[in-house]
Amino acid sequence: MGELRPAEEWARRLLERALGVPVRQHDDGSRPSMYDLTIVQAGGEVAAIEVTTAADARSVGFWRAADSGEPWTDPRIHGAWAVRTTPQASVKALRRRLPDLLVEFQASGVTVYDAPDEWELHPPHPEAAALGVTSAFHGPSDHEGRIYLMPPADEPPAGSFVSGSADRLVDWAVAWLRLPEHSDNLAKLAAARAPERHLFLILPSLTVAPDEVAMALLCSEMPSLPDRPPDLPDPLTHLWLASAWSVPYGIRWHPDQGWLLFPAGDVA
């Protein structure tokens, strides 16, 4: 049996801790299109689990230069900033000058910065333009002083740290899972002979999710739970959402219990 990929092993340990039952590898490579994990109780298999990651493969080279997504910190910053740049931005220059720019924004009361589309009509902030910053969002955080450098995007993202962002997170996740290029995740679970079919979705540092979606799991010790049930695509019965950043909680949907928090910190 082949070893689980790091994301699958991480998800397996989180599931096992949250549910208090054994979670075992199912996809052993013996045949194609096997789902990843299974929950086992005394009576046998009770759930099929597929683990997937909403990653942006286009930005891997940039992210390696940025220390593999480890957050930067500055003691002058209150809360946290999520910053997105152009693909041409210099990580070395960002390391040296970005904290000063964010401190300036903070002192001026700026919590959201979006580079204008038409620079001739609406000039951008000169230092932000020089560094290649396309957007910056400030919000509360249980990790004071952090700077989250987000992967470059084709277009500056819209949105900010707002109440109710957990619903945006779920709406985005469901829409992402329905995309044709992710149909294999649903197909694997549809073929499972199990009454429960779980999808465990990880938002890594290199996520394709918009900033306001990704930050929904980062901006407080205990994230807000969504206000409404998810419109899950068939055959899903359960949904798990977790950030790969070092944060204490993820959120999950149980059809009988509704939305719940689950511990998502480090697991041995």
C-alpha atoms as a PDB file:
ATOM      1  CA  MET A   1       0.000   0.000   0.000  1.00  0.00           C
ATOM      2  CA  GLY A   2       1.389   3.399  -0.991  1.00  0.00           C
ATOM      3  CA  GLU A   3       1.752   6.147   1.562  1.00  0.00           C
ATOM      4  CA  LEU A   4      -0.787   8.929   1.882  1.00  0.00           C
ATOM      5  CA  ARG A   5       0.150  12.301   0.441  1.00  0.00           C
ATOM      6  CA  PRO A   6       0.911  14.936   3.131  1.00  0.00           C
ATOM      7  CA  ALA A   7      -2.455  16.673   2.658  1.00  0.00           C
ATOM      8  CA  GLU A   8      -4.343  13.395   2.971  1.00  0.00           C
ATOM      9  CA  GLU A   9      -2.408  12.349   6.073  1.00  0.00           C
ATOM     10  CA  TRP A  10      -3.023  15.760   7.672  1.00  0.00           C
ATOM     11  CA  ALA A  11      -6.736  15.495   6.908  1.00  0.00           C
ATOM     12  CA  ARG A  12      -6.833  11.931   8.231  1.00  0.00           C
ATOM     13  CA  ARG A  13      -5.396  12.999  11.591  1.00  0.00           C
ATOM     14  CA  LEU A  14      -7.775  15.956  11.881  1.00  0.00           C
ATOM     15  CA  LEU A  15     -10.758  13.741  11.073  1.00  0.00           C
ATOM     16  CA  GLU A  16      -9.678  11.113  13.554  1.00  0.00           C
ATOM     17  CA  ARG A  17      -9.248  13.688  16.319  1.00  0.00           C
ATOM     18  CA  ALA A  18     -12.554  15.422  15.572  1.00  0.00           C
ATOM     19  CA  LEU A  19     -14.634  12.245  15.308  1.00  0.00           C
ATOM     20  CA  GLY A  20     -12.910  10.060  17.888  1.00  0.00           C
ATOM     21  CA  VAL A  21     -12.964   7.000  15.624  1.00  0.00           C
ATOM     22  CA  PRO A  22     -10.325   5.375  13.409  1.00  0.00           C
ATOM     23  CA  VAL A  23      -9.841   6.943   9.970  1.00  0.00           C
ATOM     24  CA  ARG A  24      -7.925   4.732   7.589  1.00  0.00           C
ATOM     25  CA  GLN A  25      -6.420   4.887   4.134  1.00  0.00           C
ATOM     26  CA  HIS A  26      -8.692   3.515   1.423  1.00  0.00           C
ATOM     27  CA  ASP A  27      -6.917   4.432  -1.805  1.00  0.00           C
ATOM     28  CA  ASP A  28      -4.093   1.884  -1.877  1.00  0.00           C
ATOM     29  CA  GLY A  29      -3.397   2.243  -5.589  1.00  0.00           C
ATOM     30  CA  SER A  30      -4.780  -1.194  -6.384  1.00  0.00           C
ATOM     31  CA  ARG A  31      -7.316   0.232  -8.838  1.00  0.00           C
ATOM     32  CA  PRO A  32      -8.109   3.628 -10.364  1.00  0.00           C
ATOM     33  CA  SER A  33     -10.578   6.181  -9.007  1.00  0.00           C
ATOM     34  CA  MET A  34     -10.556   5.097  -5.370  1.00  0.00           C
ATOM     35  CA  TYR A  35     -11.599   7.618  -2.717  1.00  0.00           C
ATOM     36  CA  ASP A  36      -8.898   8.548  -0.224  1.00  0.00           C
ATOM     37  CA  LEU A  37     -10.024   7.627   3.300  1.00  0.00           C
ATOM     38  CA  THR A  38     -12.623   5.669   5.201  1.00  0.00           C
ATOM     39  CA  ILE A  39     -14.079   6.006   8.707  1.00  0.00           C
ATOM     40  CA  VAL A  40     -14.232   2.696  10.521  1.00  0.00           C
ATOM     41  CA  GLN A  41     -16.295   1.745  13.567  1.00  0.00           C
ATOM     42  CA  ALA A  42     -17.034  -1.564  15.218  1.00  0.00           C
ATOM     43  CA  GLY A  43     -19.647  -2.384  12.603  1.00  0.00           C
ATOM     44  CA  GLY A  44     -17.299  -1.743   9.707  1.00  0.00           C
ATOM     45  CA  GLU A  45     -17.065   1.027   7.124  1.00  0.00           C
ATOM     46  CA  VAL A  46     -19.450   3.906   7.758  1.00  0.00           C
ATOM     47  CA  ALA A  47     -18.139   6.741   5.571  1.00  0.00           C
ATOM     48  CA  ALA A  48     -16.156   7.449   2.424  1.00  0.00           C
ATOM     49  CA  ILE A  49     -13.887  10.511   2.402  1.00  0.00           C
ATOM     50  CA  GLU A  50     -12.237  12.335  -0.479  1.00  0.00           C
ATOM     51  CA  VAL A  51      -9.528  14.925   0.279  1.00  0.00           C
ATOM     52  CA  THR A  52      -8.801  17.712  -2.176  1.00  0.00           C
ATOM     53  CA  THR A  53      -6.856  20.971  -2.168  1.00  0.00           C
ATOM     54  CA  ALA A  54      -7.878  24.272  -3.780  1.00  0.00           C
ATOM     55  CA  ALA A  55      -4.348  25.130  -4.874  1.00  0.00           C
ATOM     56  CA  ASP A  56      -3.042  27.600  -7.456  1.00  0.00           C
ATOM     57  CA  ALA A  57      -0.285  25.720  -9.250  1.00  0.00           C
ATOM     58  CA  ARG A  58       0.602  28.771 -11.377  1.00  0.00           C
ATOM     59  CA  SER A  59       2.135  30.557  -8.400  1.00  0.00           C
ATOM     60  CA  VAL A  60       4.419  27.830  -7.074  1.00  0.00           C
ATOM     61  CA  GLY A  61       7.632  29.484  -8.251  1.00  0.00           C
ATOM     62  CA  PHE A  62       6.719  32.808  -6.658  1.00  0.00           C
ATOM     63  CA  TRP A  63       5.721  31.125  -3.415  1.00  0.00           C
ATOM     64  CA  ARG A  64       8.964  29.164  -3.123  1.00  0.00           C
ATOM     65  CA  ALA A  65      10.801  32.460  -3.312  1.00  0.00           C
ATOM     66  CA  ALA A  66       8.524  33.757  -0.525  1.00  0.00           C
ATOM     67  CA  ASP A  67       9.617  31.035   1.933  1.00  0.00           C
ATOM     68  CA  SER A  68       6.895  28.510   1.133  1.00  0.00           C
ATOM     69  CA  GLY A  69       4.080  30.582   2.532  1.00  0.00           C
ATOM     70  CA  GLU A  70       5.339  31.096   6.069  1.00  0.00           C
ATOM     71  CA  PRO A  71       3.693  34.281   7.366  1.00  0.00           C
ATOM     72  CA  TRP A  72       5.801  37.346   7.998  1.00  0.00           C
ATOM     73  CA  THR A  73       5.396  39.318  11.210  1.00  0.00           C
ATOM     74  CA  ASP A  74       6.000  42.894  12.327  1.00  0.00           C
ATOM     75  CA  PRO A  75       5.371  44.049  15.915  1.00  0.00           C
ATOM     76  CA  ARG A  76       4.075  47.416  14.677  1.00  0.00           C
ATOM     77  CA  ILE A  77       1.069  45.793  12.990  1.00  0.00           C
ATOM     78  CA  HIS A  78      -2.205  45.232  14.818  1.00  0.00           C
ATOM     79  CA  GLY A  79      -4.253  42.301  13.565  1.00  0.00           C
ATOM     80  CA  ALA A  80      -3.120  40.896  10.227  1.00  0.00           C
ATOM     81  CA  TRP A  81      -2.784  41.859   6.572  1.00  0.00           C
ATOM     82  CA  ALA A  82      -3.386  39.759   3.467  1.00  0.00           C
ATOM     83  CA  VAL A  83      -1.423  41.165   0.532  1.00  0.00           C
ATOM     84  CA  ARG A  84      -1.569  40.171  -3.119  1.00  0.00           C
ATOM     85  CA  THR A  85       0.988  41.224  -5.721  1.00  0.00           C
ATOM     86  CA  THR A  86       1.754  40.969  -9.411  1.00  0.00           C
ATOM     87  CA  PRO A  87       3.720  37.888 -10.550  1.00  0.00           C
ATOM     88  CA  GLN A  88       6.665  40.181 -11.328  1.00  0.00           C
ATOM     89  CA  ALA A  89       6.942  41.505  -7.748  1.00  0.00           C
ATOM     90  CA  SER A  90      10.333  41.153  -6.074  1.00  0.00           C
ATOM     91  CA  VAL A  91      10.096  39.068  -2.910  1.00  0.00           C
ATOM     92  CA  LYS A  92      13.354  40.637  -1.707  1.00  0.00           C
ATOM     93  CA  ALA A  93      11.911  44.150  -2.031  1.00  0.00           C
ATOM     94  CA  LEU A  94       8.647  43.072  -0.398  1.00  0.00           C
ATOM     95  CA  ARG A  95      10.537  41.651   2.547  1.00  0.00           C
ATOM     96  CA  ARG A  96      12.391  44.907   3.028  1.00  0.00           C
ATOM     97  CA  ARG A  97       9.701  47.530   2.343  1.00  0.00           C
ATOM     98  CA  LEU A  98       6.215  45.986   2.610  1.00  0.00           C
ATOM     99  CA  PRO A  99       5.940  46.192   6.439  1.00  0.00           C
ATOM    100  CA  ASP A 100       6.566  49.955   6.332  1.00  0.00           C
ATOM    101  CA  LEU A 101       3.847  50.356   3.710  1.00  0.00           C
ATOM    102  CA  LEU A 102       1.335  48.409   5.795  1.00  0.00           C
ATOM    103  CA  VAL A 103       2.199  50.405   8.903  1.00  0.00           C
ATOM    104  CA  GLU A 104       1.575  53.565   6.861  1.00  0.00           C
ATOM    105  CA  PHE A 105      -1.805  52.219   5.708  1.00  0.00           C
ATOM    106  CA  GLN A 106      -2.674  51.338   9.278  1.00  0.00           C
ATOM    107  CA  ALA A 107      -1.728  54.791  10.610  1.00  0.00           C
ATOM    108  CA  SER A 108      -3.857  56.399   7.893  1.00  0.00           C
ATOM    109  CA  GLY A 109      -6.904  54.267   8.705  1.00  0.00           C
ATOM    110  CA  VAL A 110      -6.686  52.289   5.455  1.00  0.00           C
ATOM    111  CA  THR A 111      -8.046  48.749   5.848  1.00  0.00           C
ATOM    112  CA  VAL A 112      -8.601  47.900   2.171  1.00  0.00           C
ATOM    113  CA  TYR A 113      -6.330  48.820  -0.723  1.00  0.00           C
ATOM    114  CA  ASP A 114      -7.079  47.917  -4.340  1.00  0.00           C
ATOM    115  CA  ALA A 115      -4.828  49.152  -7.126  1.00  0.00           C
ATOM    116  CA  PRO A 116      -6.961  51.100  -9.609  1.00  0.00           C
ATOM    117  CA  ASP A 117      -7.539  49.598 -13.050  1.00  0.00           C
ATOM    118  CA  GLU A 118      -7.031  52.914 -14.839  1.00  0.00           C
ATOM    119  CA  TRP A 119      -3.817  54.367 -13.477  1.00  0.00           C
ATOM    120  CA  GLU A 120      -4.009  57.532 -15.582  1.00  0.00           C
ATOM    121  CA  LEU A 121      -7.370  58.474 -14.057  1.00  0.00           C
ATOM    122  CA  HIS A 122      -6.732  57.165 -10.554  1.00  0.00           C
ATOM    123  CA  PRO A 123      -3.016  56.908  -9.705  1.00  0.00           C
ATOM    124  CA  PRO A 124      -2.138  54.067  -7.323  1.00  0.00           C
ATOM    125  CA  HIS A 125      -0.213  54.519  -4.116  1.00  0.00           C
ATOM    126  CA  PRO A 126       3.357  55.082  -5.386  1.00  0.00           C
ATOM    127  CA  GLU A 127       5.073  52.667  -2.975  1.00  0.00           C
ATOM    128  CA  ALA A 128       2.410  49.999  -3.507  1.00  0.00           C
ATOM    129  CA  ALA A 129       2.876  50.350  -7.261  1.00  0.00           C
ATOM    130  CA  ALA A 130       6.668  50.161  -6.921  1.00  0.00           C
ATOM    131  CA  LEU A 131       6.379  46.922  -4.932  1.00  0.00           C
ATOM    132  CA  GLY A 132       3.769  45.419  -7.257  1.00  0.00           C
ATOM    133  CA  VAL A 133       1.032  45.343  -4.603  1.00  0.00           C
ATOM    134  CA  THR A 134      -2.363  44.900  -6.258  1.00  0.00           C
ATOM    135  CA  SER A 135      -4.460  44.569  -3.115  1.00  0.00           C
ATOM    136  CA  ALA A 136      -4.161  44.538   0.656  1.00  0.00           C
ATOM    137  CA  PHE A 137      -6.784  43.677   3.256  1.00  0.00           C
ATOM    138  CA  HIS A 138      -6.525  44.292   6.998  1.00  0.00           C
ATOM    139  CA  GLY A 139      -8.539  42.530   9.678  1.00  0.00           C
ATOM    140  CA  PRO A 140      -8.491  41.191  13.216  1.00  0.00           C
ATOM    141  CA  SER A 141      -6.438  38.084  13.918  1.00  0.00           C
ATOM    142  CA  ASP A 142      -5.438  35.842  16.772  1.00  0.00           C
ATOM    143  CA  HIS A 143      -1.901  36.113  15.347  1.00  0.00           C
ATOM    144  CA  GLU A 144      -0.977  39.752  15.879  1.00  0.00           C
ATOM    145  CA  GLY A 145       1.375  41.379  13.419  1.00  0.00           C
ATOM    146  CA  ARG A 146       1.147  38.782  10.671  1.00  0.00           C
ATOM    147  CA  ILE A 147       1.514  39.548   6.980  1.00  0.00           C
ATOM    148  CA  TYR A 148       0.032  36.900   4.697  1.00  0.00           C
ATOM    149  CA  LEU A 149       1.509  37.159   1.213  1.00  0.00           C
ATOM    150  CA  MET A 150      -1.109  35.725  -1.107  1.00  0.00           C
ATOM    151  CA  PRO A 151      -0.304  34.255  -4.533  1.00  0.00           C
ATOM    152  CA  PRO A 152      -0.453  36.596  -7.533  1.00  0.00           C
ATOM    153  CA  ALA A 153      -3.775  36.784  -9.347  1.00  0.00           C
ATOM    154  CA  ASP A 154      -4.702  37.582 -12.923  1.00  0.00           C
ATOM    155  CA  GLU A 155      -6.938  40.369 -11.597  1.00  0.00           C
ATOM    156  CA  PRO A 156      -7.014  42.173  -8.261  1.00  0.00           C
ATOM    157  CA  PRO A 157      -9.551  40.367  -6.035  1.00  0.00           C
ATOM    158  CA  ALA A 158     -12.597  42.162  -4.737  1.00  0.00           C
ATOM    159  CA  GLY A 159     -13.802  42.038  -1.160  1.00  0.00           C
ATOM    160  CA  SER A 160     -12.556  42.619   2.342  1.00  0.00           C
ATOM    161  CA  PHE A 161     -12.823  41.333   5.869  1.00  0.00           C
ATOM    162  CA  VAL A 162     -16.578  41.464   6.408  1.00  0.00           C
ATOM    163  CA  SER A 163     -19.137  39.869   8.688  1.00  0.00           C
ATOM    164  CA  GLY A 164     -20.849  36.856   7.200  1.00  0.00           C
ATOM    165  CA  SER A 165     -17.758  35.824   5.243  1.00  0.00           C
ATOM    166  CA  ALA A 166     -18.288  32.222   6.359  1.00  0.00           C
ATOM    167  CA  ASP A 167     -21.278  32.082   4.012  1.00  0.00           C
ATOM    168  CA  ARG A 168     -19.077  33.410   1.200  1.00  0.00           C
ATOM    169  CA  LEU A 169     -16.559  30.697   2.015  1.00  0.00           C
ATOM    170  CA  VAL A 170     -19.196  27.986   1.699  1.00  0.00           C
ATOM    171  CA  ASP A 171     -20.737  29.454  -1.461  1.00  0.00           C
ATOM    172  CA  TRP A 172     -17.322  29.612  -3.081  1.00  0.00           C
ATOM    173  CA  ALA A 173     -16.378  26.082  -1.966  1.00  0.00           C
ATOM    174  CA  VAL A 174     -19.595  24.574  -3.329  1.00  0.00           C
ATOM    175  CA  ALA A 175     -19.221  26.421  -6.645  1.00  0.00           C
ATOM    176  CA  TRP A 176     -15.577  25.292  -6.875  1.00  0.00           C
ATOM    177  CA  LEU A 177     -16.518  21.668  -6.261  1.00  0.00           C
ATOM    178  CA  ARG A 178     -19.133  21.849  -9.035  1.00  0.00           C
ATOM    179  CA  LEU A 179     -16.577  22.885 -11.670  1.00  0.00           C
ATOM    180  CA  PRO A 180     -16.108  20.200 -14.367  1.00  0.00           C
ATOM    181  CA  GLU A 181     -12.363  19.936 -13.674  1.00  0.00           C
ATOM    182  CA  HIS A 182     -13.121  18.727 -10.132  1.00  0.00           C
ATOM    183  CA  SER A 183     -15.781  16.186 -11.097  1.00  0.00           C
ATOM    184  CA  ASP A 184     -13.426  13.292 -10.310  1.00  0.00           C
ATOM    185  CA  ASN A 185     -13.753  14.024  -6.574  1.00  0.00           C
ATOM    186  CA  LEU A 186     -17.523  13.632  -6.749  1.00  0.00           C
ATOM    187  CA  ALA A 187     -17.298  10.621  -9.066  1.00  0.00           C
ATOM    188  CA  LYS A 188     -15.101   8.724  -6.605  1.00  0.00           C
ATOM    189  CA  LEU A 189     -17.595   9.283  -3.800  1.00  0.00           C
ATOM    190  CA  ALA A 190     -20.579   8.484  -6.019  1.00  0.00           C
ATOM    191  CA  ALA A 191     -19.113   5.028  -6.597  1.00  0.00           C
ATOM    192  CA  ALA A 192     -18.681   4.405  -2.846  1.00  0.00           C
ATOM    193  CA  ARG A 193     -20.970   1.940  -1.085  1.00  0.00           C
ATOM    194  CA  ALA A 194     -21.263   4.004   2.068  1.00  0.00           C
ATOM    195  CA  PRO A 195     -24.180   5.925   3.613  1.00  0.00           C
ATOM    196  CA  GLU A 196     -21.949   8.935   4.344  1.00  0.00           C
ATOM    197  CA  ARG A 197     -19.795  10.656   1.734  1.00  0.00           C
ATOM    198  CA  HIS A 198     -17.448  13.345   3.059  1.00  0.00           C
ATOM    199  CA  LEU A 199     -15.444  15.920   1.096  1.00  0.00           C
ATOM    200  CA  PHE A 200     -12.497  17.437   2.975  1.00  0.00           C
ATOM    201  CA  LEU A 201     -11.418  20.653   1.217  1.00  0.00           C
ATOM    202  CA  ILE A 202      -8.105  22.281   2.186  1.00  0.00           C
ATOM    203  CA  LEU A 203      -7.366  25.926   1.389  1.00  0.00           C
ATOM    204  CA  PRO A 204      -3.554  26.070   1.202  1.00  0.00           C
ATOM    205  CA  SER A 205      -1.404  29.194   1.209  1.00  0.00           C
ATOM    206  CA  LEU A 206      -1.351  28.893  -2.586  1.00  0.00           C
ATOM    207  CA  THR A 207      -5.125  28.869  -2.858  1.00  0.00           C
ATOM    208  CA  VAL A 208      -7.232  29.887  -5.822  1.00  0.00           C
ATOM    209  CA  ALA A 209      -9.889  31.152  -3.398  1.00  0.00           C
ATOM    210  CA  PRO A 210     -10.418  34.942  -3.271  1.00  0.00           C
ATOM    211  CA  ASP A 211      -8.850  36.707  -0.310  1.00  0.00           C
ATOM    212  CA  GLU A 212     -12.116  37.307   1.552  1.00  0.00           C
ATOM    213  CA  VAL A 213     -12.870  33.587   1.233  1.00  0.00           C
ATOM    214  CA  ALA A 214      -9.452  32.362   2.351  1.00  0.00           C
ATOM    215  CA  MET A 215      -9.355  34.790   5.277  1.00  0.00           C
ATOM    216  CA  ALA A 216     -12.700  33.586   6.625  1.00  0.00           C
ATOM    217  CA  LEU A 217     -10.806  30.832   8.429  1.00  0.00           C
ATOM    218  CA  LEU A 218      -7.944  33.085   9.559  1.00  0.00           C
ATOM    219  CA  CYS A 219      -9.331  36.261  11.062  1.00  0.00           C
ATOM    220  CA  SER A 220     -10.240  35.115  14.581  1.00  0.00           C
ATOM    221  CA  GLU A 221      -9.604  32.384  17.137  1.00  0.00           C
ATOM    222  CA  MET A 222     -13.074  30.978  16.572  1.00  0.00           C
ATOM    223  CA  PRO A 223     -14.434  31.629  13.066  1.00  0.00           C
ATOM    224  CA  SER A 224     -18.086  32.471  12.577  1.00  0.00           C
ATOM    225  CA  LEU A 225     -20.250  29.607  11.428  1.00  0.00           C
ATOM    226  CA  PRO A 226     -22.330  29.975   8.248  1.00  0.00           C
ATOM    227  CA  ASP A 227     -25.943  31.043   8.630  1.00  0.00           C
ATOM    228  CA  ARG A 228     -27.476  28.566   6.194  1.00  0.00           C
ATOM    229  CA  PRO A 229     -27.072  24.957   5.005  1.00  0.00           C
ATOM    230  CA  PRO A 230     -24.803  24.340   2.012  1.00  0.00           C
ATOM    231  CA  ASP A 231     -26.242  23.392  -1.368  1.00  0.00           C
ATOM    232  CA  LEU A 232     -23.993  20.358  -1.664  1.00  0.00           C
ATOM    233  CA  PRO A 233     -23.647  18.651  -5.031  1.00  0.00           C
ATOM    234  CA  ASP A 234     -24.566  14.983  -5.223  1.00  0.00           C
ATOM    235  CA  PRO A 235     -23.384  12.663  -3.755  1.00  0.00           C
ATOM    236  CA  LEU A 236     -21.927  14.674  -0.839  1.00  0.00           C
ATOM    237  CA  THR A 237     -23.501  14.369   2.601  1.00  0.00           C
ATOM    238  CA  HIS A 238     -20.763  16.053   4.688  1.00  0.00           C
ATOM    239  CA  LEU A 239     -18.344  18.913   4.007  1.00  0.00           C
ATOM    240  CA  TRP A 240     -15.128  19.837   5.844  1.00  0.00           C
ATOM    241  CA  LEU A 241     -13.290  23.138   5.250  1.00  0.00           C
ATOM    242  CA  ALA A 242      -9.816  23.789   6.672  1.00  0.00           C
ATOM    243  CA  SER A 243      -7.001  26.246   6.101  1.00  0.00           C
ATOM    244  CA  ALA A 244      -3.447  24.988   5.756  1.00  0.00           C
ATOM    245  CA  TRP A 245      -2.224  28.022   7.714  1.00  0.00           C
ATOM    246  CA  SER A 246      -1.571  27.418  11.396  1.00  0.00           C
ATOM    247  CA  VAL A 247      -5.031  28.254  12.751  1.00  0.00           C
ATOM    248  CA  PRO A 248      -6.967  26.574  15.558  1.00  0.00           C
ATOM    249  CA  TYR A 249     -10.271  25.718  13.847  1.00  0.00           C
ATOM    250  CA  GLY A 250     -11.956  24.575  10.670  1.00  0.00           C
ATOM    251  CA  ILE A 251     -15.682  24.295   9.990  1.00  0.00           C
ATOM    252  CA  ARG A 252     -17.730  21.291   8.942  1.00  0.00           C
ATOM    253  CA  TRP A 253     -21.263  20.481   7.866  1.00  0.00           C
ATOM    254  CA  HIS A 254     -23.174  17.548   9.364  1.00  0.00           C
ATOM    255  CA  PRO A 255     -26.656  16.984   7.914  1.00  0.00           C
ATOM    256  CA  ASP A 256     -28.146  16.176  11.345  1.00  0.00           C
ATOM    257  CA  GLN A 257     -26.145  18.591  13.510  1.00  0.00           C
ATOM    258  CA  GLY A 258     -25.662  21.541  11.168  1.00  0.00           C
ATOM    259  CA  TRP A 259     -22.468  23.615  11.086  1.00  0.00           C
ATOM    260  CA  LEU A 260     -19.783  22.736  13.632  1.00  0.00           C
ATOM    261  CA  LEU A 261     -16.256  23.811  14.477  1.00  0.00           C
ATOM    262  CA  PHE A 262     -13.473  21.243  14.591  1.00  0.00           C
ATOM    263  CA  PRO A 263      -9.869  21.553  15.873  1.00  0.00           C
ATOM    264  CA  ALA A 264      -7.509  22.228  12.989  1.00  0.00           C
ATOM    265  CA  GLY A 265      -4.264  22.998  14.791  1.00  0.00           C
ATOM    266  CA  ASP A 266      -1.155  20.878  14.677  1.00  0.00           C
ATOM    267  CA  VAL A 267      -1.687  17.154  15.142  1.00  0.00           C
ATOM    268  CA  ALA A 268       1.012  14.680  16.085  1.00  0.00           C
END
